[in-house]
Amino acid sequence: LFRPERIRGVVALSVPYRPRGSAPPITALRAAIGDRFYMVYFQQPGPADAELSRDPAATFRKLLYSLSGDAPGFAPIVPGDGGILEAFADPPELPGWLTQRDIDSYVAQYAQSGFTGPLNWYRAMDRSWELTAPWRHAKVTVPALFVTGEQDMVRALGGIDNLAQLVPRLTRTMLLPGCGHWTQQERPAQVNAAILGFLRDLS
């Protein structure tokens, strides 16, 4: 988006490109969905940091499972006066694409860094919006591939139907049946094949 002359192509997984809008994103989300939407809930330093770090293994188990195609659908809305993890399900057993070793790896990494850094990305969304004023309503002009899961909750938030208008050189939108948000973990062989095919076509 910023330096298309330096980029030959781009692959997006799960989250479709959405152009910079006319209003700060958190302001717009709060008005449209409310204070309990997860991105809005993340804005206040402290509560989410403490909640997610209380039991990191449970956090990652619930997060990875609940957004996958193996879980029942859910809405990323904080229920009542609780925390976001109350909206997530704990799997009766780990799905085939997720192992205890995977979860242990996440826990070890976050034991060093904590959750505040990643949460700060959400807290900086309005600031990022301010800094990208020259790209208001800009399109992605390089060749692109988009891969998404059929059961990804992000699809319910919209932004896919008009993707070809926002990314004029979109070569393909690949929909993975039965897959949720974690495309590269849930369907690694299909995602790798799609990326390699896209790269071959660029050469």
C-alpha atoms as a PDB file:
ATOM      1  CA  LEU A   1       0.000   0.000   0.000  1.00  0.00           C
ATOM      2  CA  PHE A   2       2.755   2.478   0.985  1.00  0.00           C
ATOM      3  CA  ARG A   3       5.503   1.444  -1.478  1.00  0.00           C
ATOM      4  CA  PRO A   4       3.936  -0.571  -4.315  1.00  0.00           C
ATOM      5  CA  GLU A   5       6.968   0.038  -6.549  1.00  0.00           C
ATOM      6  CA  ARG A   6       9.023  -2.120  -4.162  1.00  0.00           C
ATOM      7  CA  ILE A   7       6.546  -5.008  -3.879  1.00  0.00           C
ATOM      8  CA  ARG A   8       5.955  -7.656  -6.556  1.00  0.00           C
ATOM      9  CA  GLY A   9       2.956  -9.239  -4.904  1.00  0.00           C
ATOM     10  CA  VAL A  10       1.187  -9.779  -1.591  1.00  0.00           C
ATOM     11  CA  VAL A  11      -0.635 -12.700   0.044  1.00  0.00           C
ATOM     12  CA  ALA A  12      -3.211 -11.995   2.761  1.00  0.00           C
ATOM     13  CA  LEU A  13      -4.402 -14.754   5.082  1.00  0.00           C
ATOM     14  CA  SER A  14      -7.736 -14.573   6.926  1.00  0.00           C
ATOM     15  CA  VAL A  15      -8.086 -10.792   7.211  1.00  0.00           C
ATOM     16  CA  PRO A  16      -9.125  -8.989   4.000  1.00  0.00           C
ATOM     17  CA  TYR A  17      -7.715  -5.596   3.141  1.00  0.00           C
ATOM     18  CA  ARG A  18      -9.867  -2.756   4.381  1.00  0.00           C
ATOM     19  CA  PRO A  19      -8.952   0.770   3.292  1.00  0.00           C
ATOM     20  CA  ARG A  20      -8.441   3.594   5.727  1.00  0.00           C
ATOM     21  CA  GLY A  21     -11.894   5.020   6.356  1.00  0.00           C
ATOM     22  CA  SER A  22     -13.136   8.500   7.165  1.00  0.00           C
ATOM     23  CA  ALA A  23     -13.371   7.973  10.950  1.00  0.00           C
ATOM     24  CA  PRO A  24     -10.946   6.604  13.582  1.00  0.00           C
ATOM     25  CA  PRO A  25     -11.463   2.825  13.671  1.00  0.00           C
ATOM     26  CA  ILE A  26     -12.033   2.419  17.419  1.00  0.00           C
ATOM     27  CA  THR A  27     -14.498   5.309  17.407  1.00  0.00           C
ATOM     28  CA  ALA A  28     -16.326   3.686  14.499  1.00  0.00           C
ATOM     29  CA  LEU A  29     -16.312   0.227  16.103  1.00  0.00           C
ATOM     30  CA  ARG A  30     -17.573   1.578  19.431  1.00  0.00           C
ATOM     31  CA  ALA A  31     -20.440   3.344  17.660  1.00  0.00           C
ATOM     32  CA  ALA A  32     -21.335   0.350  15.487  1.00  0.00           C
ATOM     33  CA  ILE A  33     -20.853  -2.589  17.874  1.00  0.00           C
ATOM     34  CA  GLY A  34     -20.393  -1.168  21.372  1.00  0.00           C
ATOM     35  CA  ASP A  35     -17.907  -1.106  24.230  1.00  0.00           C
ATOM     36  CA  ARG A  36     -17.933  -4.894  24.642  1.00  0.00           C
ATOM     37  CA  PHE A  37     -16.493  -5.630  21.197  1.00  0.00           C
ATOM     38  CA  TYR A  38     -13.076  -7.183  21.771  1.00  0.00           C
ATOM     39  CA  MET A  39     -11.026  -4.435  20.060  1.00  0.00           C
ATOM     40  CA  VAL A  40     -12.768  -1.788  22.138  1.00  0.00           C
ATOM     41  CA  TYR A  41     -12.373  -3.875  25.314  1.00  0.00           C
ATOM     42  CA  PHE A  42      -8.616  -4.030  24.642  1.00  0.00           C
ATOM     43  CA  GLN A  43      -8.280  -0.220  24.685  1.00  0.00           C
ATOM     44  CA  GLN A  44      -8.022   0.260  28.447  1.00  0.00           C
ATOM     45  CA  PRO A  45      -4.547  -0.754  29.690  1.00  0.00           C
ATOM     46  CA  GLY A  46      -4.690  -3.312  32.445  1.00  0.00           C
ATOM     47  CA  PRO A  47      -7.846  -5.474  32.375  1.00  0.00           C
ATOM     48  CA  ALA A  48      -7.173  -7.455  29.206  1.00  0.00           C
ATOM     49  CA  ASP A  49      -3.448  -7.702  29.995  1.00  0.00           C
ATOM     50  CA  ALA A  50      -4.245  -9.241  33.385  1.00  0.00           C
ATOM     51  CA  GLU A  51      -6.985 -11.511  32.067  1.00  0.00           C
ATOM     52  CA  LEU A  52      -4.955 -13.028  29.241  1.00  0.00           C
ATOM     53  CA  SER A  53      -1.821 -13.507  31.382  1.00  0.00           C
ATOM     54  CA  ARG A  54      -3.618 -15.115  34.337  1.00  0.00           C
ATOM     55  CA  ASP A  55      -3.399 -18.607  32.793  1.00  0.00           C
ATOM     56  CA  PRO A  56      -1.561 -18.359  29.446  1.00  0.00           C
ATOM     57  CA  ALA A  57      -2.038 -22.028  28.590  1.00  0.00           C
ATOM     58  CA  ALA A  58      -5.815 -21.704  28.956  1.00  0.00           C
ATOM     59  CA  THR A  59      -5.737 -18.414  27.046  1.00  0.00           C
ATOM     60  CA  PHE A  60      -4.045 -19.943  24.017  1.00  0.00           C
ATOM     61  CA  ARG A  61      -6.045 -23.165  24.174  1.00  0.00           C
ATOM     62  CA  LYS A  62      -9.345 -21.269  24.177  1.00  0.00           C
ATOM     63  CA  LEU A  63      -8.253 -18.639  21.665  1.00  0.00           C
ATOM     64  CA  LEU A  64      -6.835 -21.045  19.111  1.00  0.00           C
ATOM     65  CA  TYR A  65      -9.724 -23.479  19.377  1.00  0.00           C
ATOM     66  CA  SER A  66     -12.597 -20.990  19.468  1.00  0.00           C
ATOM     67  CA  LEU A  67     -11.563 -19.177  16.287  1.00  0.00           C
ATOM     68  CA  SER A  68     -10.952 -22.416  14.402  1.00  0.00           C
ATOM     69  CA  GLY A  69     -13.240 -24.346  12.125  1.00  0.00           C
ATOM     70  CA  ASP A  70     -13.499 -27.116  14.713  1.00  0.00           C
ATOM     71  CA  ALA A  71     -15.359 -24.973  17.247  1.00  0.00           C
ATOM     72  CA  PRO A  72     -18.980 -23.845  17.361  1.00  0.00           C
ATOM     73  CA  GLY A  73     -19.477 -20.289  16.189  1.00  0.00           C
ATOM     74  CA  PHE A  74     -19.076 -17.431  18.614  1.00  0.00           C
ATOM     75  CA  ALA A  75     -19.138 -13.640  18.710  1.00  0.00           C
ATOM     76  CA  PRO A  76     -16.047 -11.714  19.923  1.00  0.00           C
ATOM     77  CA  ILE A  77     -18.112  -9.785  22.443  1.00  0.00           C
ATOM     78  CA  VAL A  78     -17.227  -9.567  26.141  1.00  0.00           C
ATOM     79  CA  PRO A  79     -20.223 -11.014  28.013  1.00  0.00           C
ATOM     80  CA  GLY A  80     -21.691  -8.919  30.830  1.00  0.00           C
ATOM     81  CA  ASP A  81     -19.073  -7.474  33.139  1.00  0.00           C
ATOM     82  CA  GLY A  82     -16.635 -10.334  32.574  1.00  0.00           C
ATOM     83  CA  GLY A  83     -13.641 -10.758  30.301  1.00  0.00           C
ATOM     84  CA  ILE A  84     -13.215 -11.761  26.674  1.00  0.00           C
ATOM     85  CA  LEU A  85     -12.143 -15.312  27.527  1.00  0.00           C
ATOM     86  CA  GLU A  86     -15.649 -15.980  28.839  1.00  0.00           C
ATOM     87  CA  ALA A  87     -16.806 -15.811  25.217  1.00  0.00           C
ATOM     88  CA  PHE A  88     -14.360 -18.560  24.209  1.00  0.00           C
ATOM     89  CA  ALA A  89     -14.869 -22.306  24.548  1.00  0.00           C
ATOM     90  CA  ASP A  90     -12.354 -24.668  26.109  1.00  0.00           C
ATOM     91  CA  PRO A  91     -11.963 -27.659  23.778  1.00  0.00           C
ATOM     92  CA  PRO A  92     -12.852 -31.100  25.139  1.00  0.00           C
ATOM     93  CA  GLU A  93      -9.682 -32.196  23.340  1.00  0.00           C
ATOM     94  CA  LEU A  94      -7.220 -30.441  21.064  1.00  0.00           C
ATOM     95  CA  PRO A  95      -8.024 -30.556  17.331  1.00  0.00           C
ATOM     96  CA  GLY A  96      -5.634 -32.480  15.098  1.00  0.00           C
ATOM     97  CA  TRP A  97      -3.807 -29.404  13.852  1.00  0.00           C
ATOM     98  CA  LEU A  98      -2.998 -28.149  17.390  1.00  0.00           C
ATOM     99  CA  THR A  99      -0.710 -29.909  19.868  1.00  0.00           C
ATOM    100  CA  GLN A 100       0.218 -29.339  23.489  1.00  0.00           C
ATOM    101  CA  ARG A 101       3.732 -28.609  22.233  1.00  0.00           C
ATOM    102  CA  ASP A 102       2.314 -25.722  20.165  1.00  0.00           C
ATOM    103  CA  ILE A 103       0.595 -24.271  23.211  1.00  0.00           C
ATOM    104  CA  ASP A 104       3.707 -24.727  25.360  1.00  0.00           C
ATOM    105  CA  SER A 105       5.696 -22.805  22.756  1.00  0.00           C
ATOM    106  CA  TYR A 106       3.286 -19.861  22.879  1.00  0.00           C
ATOM    107  CA  VAL A 107       3.305 -19.914  26.681  1.00  0.00           C
ATOM    108  CA  ALA A 108       7.116 -19.874  26.794  1.00  0.00           C
ATOM    109  CA  GLN A 109       7.335 -16.929  24.404  1.00  0.00           C
ATOM    110  CA  TYR A 110       4.698 -14.899  26.203  1.00  0.00           C
ATOM    111  CA  ALA A 111       6.305 -15.641  29.575  1.00  0.00           C
ATOM    112  CA  GLN A 112       9.156 -13.446  28.345  1.00  0.00           C
ATOM    113  CA  SER A 113       7.191 -10.691  26.595  1.00  0.00           C
ATOM    114  CA  GLY A 114       3.705 -10.691  28.136  1.00  0.00           C
ATOM    115  CA  PHE A 115       0.506  -9.663  26.384  1.00  0.00           C
ATOM    116  CA  THR A 116       0.828  -5.885  26.602  1.00  0.00           C
ATOM    117  CA  GLY A 117       2.886  -5.475  23.417  1.00  0.00           C
ATOM    118  CA  PRO A 118       0.372  -7.282  21.187  1.00  0.00           C
ATOM    119  CA  LEU A 119      -2.541  -5.506  22.899  1.00  0.00           C
ATOM    120  CA  ASN A 120      -0.842  -2.173  22.268  1.00  0.00           C
ATOM    121  CA  TRP A 121      -1.250  -2.793  18.531  1.00  0.00           C
ATOM    122  CA  TYR A 122      -5.016  -2.478  19.056  1.00  0.00           C
ATOM    123  CA  ARG A 123      -4.506   0.515  21.339  1.00  0.00           C
ATOM    124  CA  ALA A 124      -2.572   2.269  18.580  1.00  0.00           C
ATOM    125  CA  MET A 125      -5.222   1.757  15.890  1.00  0.00           C
ATOM    126  CA  ASP A 126      -6.588   5.296  16.057  1.00  0.00           C
ATOM    127  CA  ARG A 127      -3.033   6.690  16.080  1.00  0.00           C
ATOM    128  CA  SER A 128      -2.173   4.570  13.047  1.00  0.00           C
ATOM    129  CA  TRP A 129      -5.282   5.924  11.367  1.00  0.00           C
ATOM    130  CA  GLU A 130      -4.064   9.488  12.022  1.00  0.00           C
ATOM    131  CA  LEU A 131      -0.610   8.756  10.592  1.00  0.00           C
ATOM    132  CA  THR A 132      -1.988   7.218   7.380  1.00  0.00           C
ATOM    133  CA  ALA A 133      -4.114  10.187   6.324  1.00  0.00           C
ATOM    134  CA  PRO A 134      -2.508  10.352   2.825  1.00  0.00           C
ATOM    135  CA  TRP A 135      -3.790   6.825   2.118  1.00  0.00           C
ATOM    136  CA  ARG A 136      -7.456   7.511   2.827  1.00  0.00           C
ATOM    137  CA  HIS A 137      -9.579   5.094   0.759  1.00  0.00           C
ATOM    138  CA  ALA A 138      -6.410   3.931  -1.061  1.00  0.00           C
ATOM    139  CA  LYS A 139      -6.359   0.698  -3.026  1.00  0.00           C
ATOM    140  CA  VAL A 140      -3.755  -2.061  -3.040  1.00  0.00           C
ATOM    141  CA  THR A 141      -2.408  -2.014  -6.592  1.00  0.00           C
ATOM    142  CA  VAL A 142       0.040  -4.955  -6.642  1.00  0.00           C
ATOM    143  CA  PRO A 143      -0.908  -8.529  -7.586  1.00  0.00           C
ATOM    144  CA  ALA A 144      -2.561 -10.239  -4.621  1.00  0.00           C
ATOM    145  CA  LEU A 145      -3.875 -13.543  -3.322  1.00  0.00           C
ATOM    146  CA  PHE A 146      -6.387 -13.793  -0.493  1.00  0.00           C
ATOM    147  CA  VAL A 147      -6.913 -17.014   1.480  1.00  0.00           C
ATOM    148  CA  THR A 148      -9.706 -17.338   4.027  1.00  0.00           C
ATOM    149  CA  GLY A 149     -11.515 -20.025   5.973  1.00  0.00           C
ATOM    150  CA  GLU A 150     -15.129 -20.815   5.199  1.00  0.00           C
ATOM    151  CA  GLN A 151     -15.914 -20.618   8.926  1.00  0.00           C
ATOM    152  CA  ASP A 152     -13.681 -17.685   9.809  1.00  0.00           C
ATOM    153  CA  MET A 153     -15.542 -15.272  12.083  1.00  0.00           C
ATOM    154  CA  VAL A 154     -13.787 -12.385  10.299  1.00  0.00           C
ATOM    155  CA  ARG A 155     -15.871 -13.175   7.219  1.00  0.00           C
ATOM    156  CA  ALA A 156     -18.981 -12.337   9.250  1.00  0.00           C
ATOM    157  CA  LEU A 157     -17.547  -8.854   9.823  1.00  0.00           C
ATOM    158  CA  GLY A 158     -17.611  -8.211   6.075  1.00  0.00           C
ATOM    159  CA  GLY A 159     -15.071  -6.785   3.683  1.00  0.00           C
ATOM    160  CA  ILE A 160     -14.810  -9.710   1.271  1.00  0.00           C
ATOM    161  CA  ASP A 161     -17.618  -9.051  -1.199  1.00  0.00           C
ATOM    162  CA  ASN A 162     -16.023  -5.882  -2.578  1.00  0.00           C
ATOM    163  CA  LEU A 163     -12.416  -6.995  -2.186  1.00  0.00           C
ATOM    164  CA  ALA A 164     -11.772  -7.038  -5.939  1.00  0.00           C
ATOM    165  CA  GLN A 165     -12.685  -3.346  -6.115  1.00  0.00           C
ATOM    166  CA  LEU A 166     -10.228  -2.496  -3.335  1.00  0.00           C
ATOM    167  CA  VAL A 167      -7.498  -4.760  -4.718  1.00  0.00           C
ATOM    168  CA  PRO A 168      -7.841  -4.436  -8.514  1.00  0.00           C
ATOM    169  CA  ARG A 169      -5.117  -7.010  -9.268  1.00  0.00           C
ATOM    170  CA  LEU A 170      -6.520  -9.652  -6.942  1.00  0.00           C
ATOM    171  CA  THR A 171      -5.755 -12.909  -8.727  1.00  0.00           C
ATOM    172  CA  ARG A 172      -7.802 -15.206  -6.525  1.00  0.00           C
ATOM    173  CA  THR A 173      -9.850 -15.477  -3.346  1.00  0.00           C
ATOM    174  CA  MET A 174      -9.377 -18.981  -1.981  1.00  0.00           C
ATOM    175  CA  LEU A 175     -12.053 -20.261   0.389  1.00  0.00           C
ATOM    176  CA  LEU A 176     -10.979 -23.214   2.558  1.00  0.00           C
ATOM    177  CA  PRO A 177     -13.982 -25.449   3.435  1.00  0.00           C
ATOM    178  CA  GLY A 178     -14.396 -26.187   7.135  1.00  0.00           C
ATOM    179  CA  CYS A 179     -11.503 -23.907   8.076  1.00  0.00           C
ATOM    180  CA  GLY A 180     -11.633 -21.129  10.639  1.00  0.00           C
ATOM    181  CA  HIS A 181      -9.369 -18.146  11.276  1.00  0.00           C
ATOM    182  CA  TRP A 182      -6.033 -19.962  11.515  1.00  0.00           C
ATOM    183  CA  THR A 183      -5.666 -20.862   7.835  1.00  0.00           C
ATOM    184  CA  GLN A 184      -1.937 -21.656   7.868  1.00  0.00           C
ATOM    185  CA  GLN A 185      -2.244 -23.846  10.967  1.00  0.00           C
ATOM    186  CA  GLU A 186      -5.512 -25.573  10.095  1.00  0.00           C
ATOM    187  CA  ARG A 187      -4.765 -26.146   6.389  1.00  0.00           C
ATOM    188  CA  PRO A 188      -0.967 -25.841   5.963  1.00  0.00           C
ATOM    189  CA  ALA A 189      -0.650 -27.963   2.818  1.00  0.00           C
ATOM    190  CA  GLN A 190      -3.384 -26.083   0.945  1.00  0.00           C
ATOM    191  CA  VAL A 191      -2.130 -22.668   2.053  1.00  0.00           C
ATOM    192  CA  ASN A 192       1.462 -23.474   1.099  1.00  0.00           C
ATOM    193  CA  ALA A 193       0.367 -24.784  -2.309  1.00  0.00           C
ATOM    194  CA  ALA A 194      -1.662 -21.639  -2.950  1.00  0.00           C
ATOM    195  CA  ILE A 195       1.213 -19.347  -1.993  1.00  0.00           C
ATOM    196  CA  LEU A 196       3.730 -21.267  -4.098  1.00  0.00           C
ATOM    197  CA  GLY A 197       1.370 -21.180  -7.079  1.00  0.00           C
ATOM    198  CA  PHE A 198       0.915 -17.444  -6.668  1.00  0.00           C
ATOM    199  CA  LEU A 199       4.693 -16.931  -6.504  1.00  0.00           C
ATOM    200  CA  ARG A 200       5.256 -19.040  -9.621  1.00  0.00           C
ATOM    201  CA  ASP A 201       2.792 -16.898 -11.523  1.00  0.00           C
ATOM    202  CA  LEU A 202       4.689 -13.763 -10.469  1.00  0.00           C
ATOM    203  CA  SER A 203       8.001 -15.006 -11.877  1.00  0.00           C
END
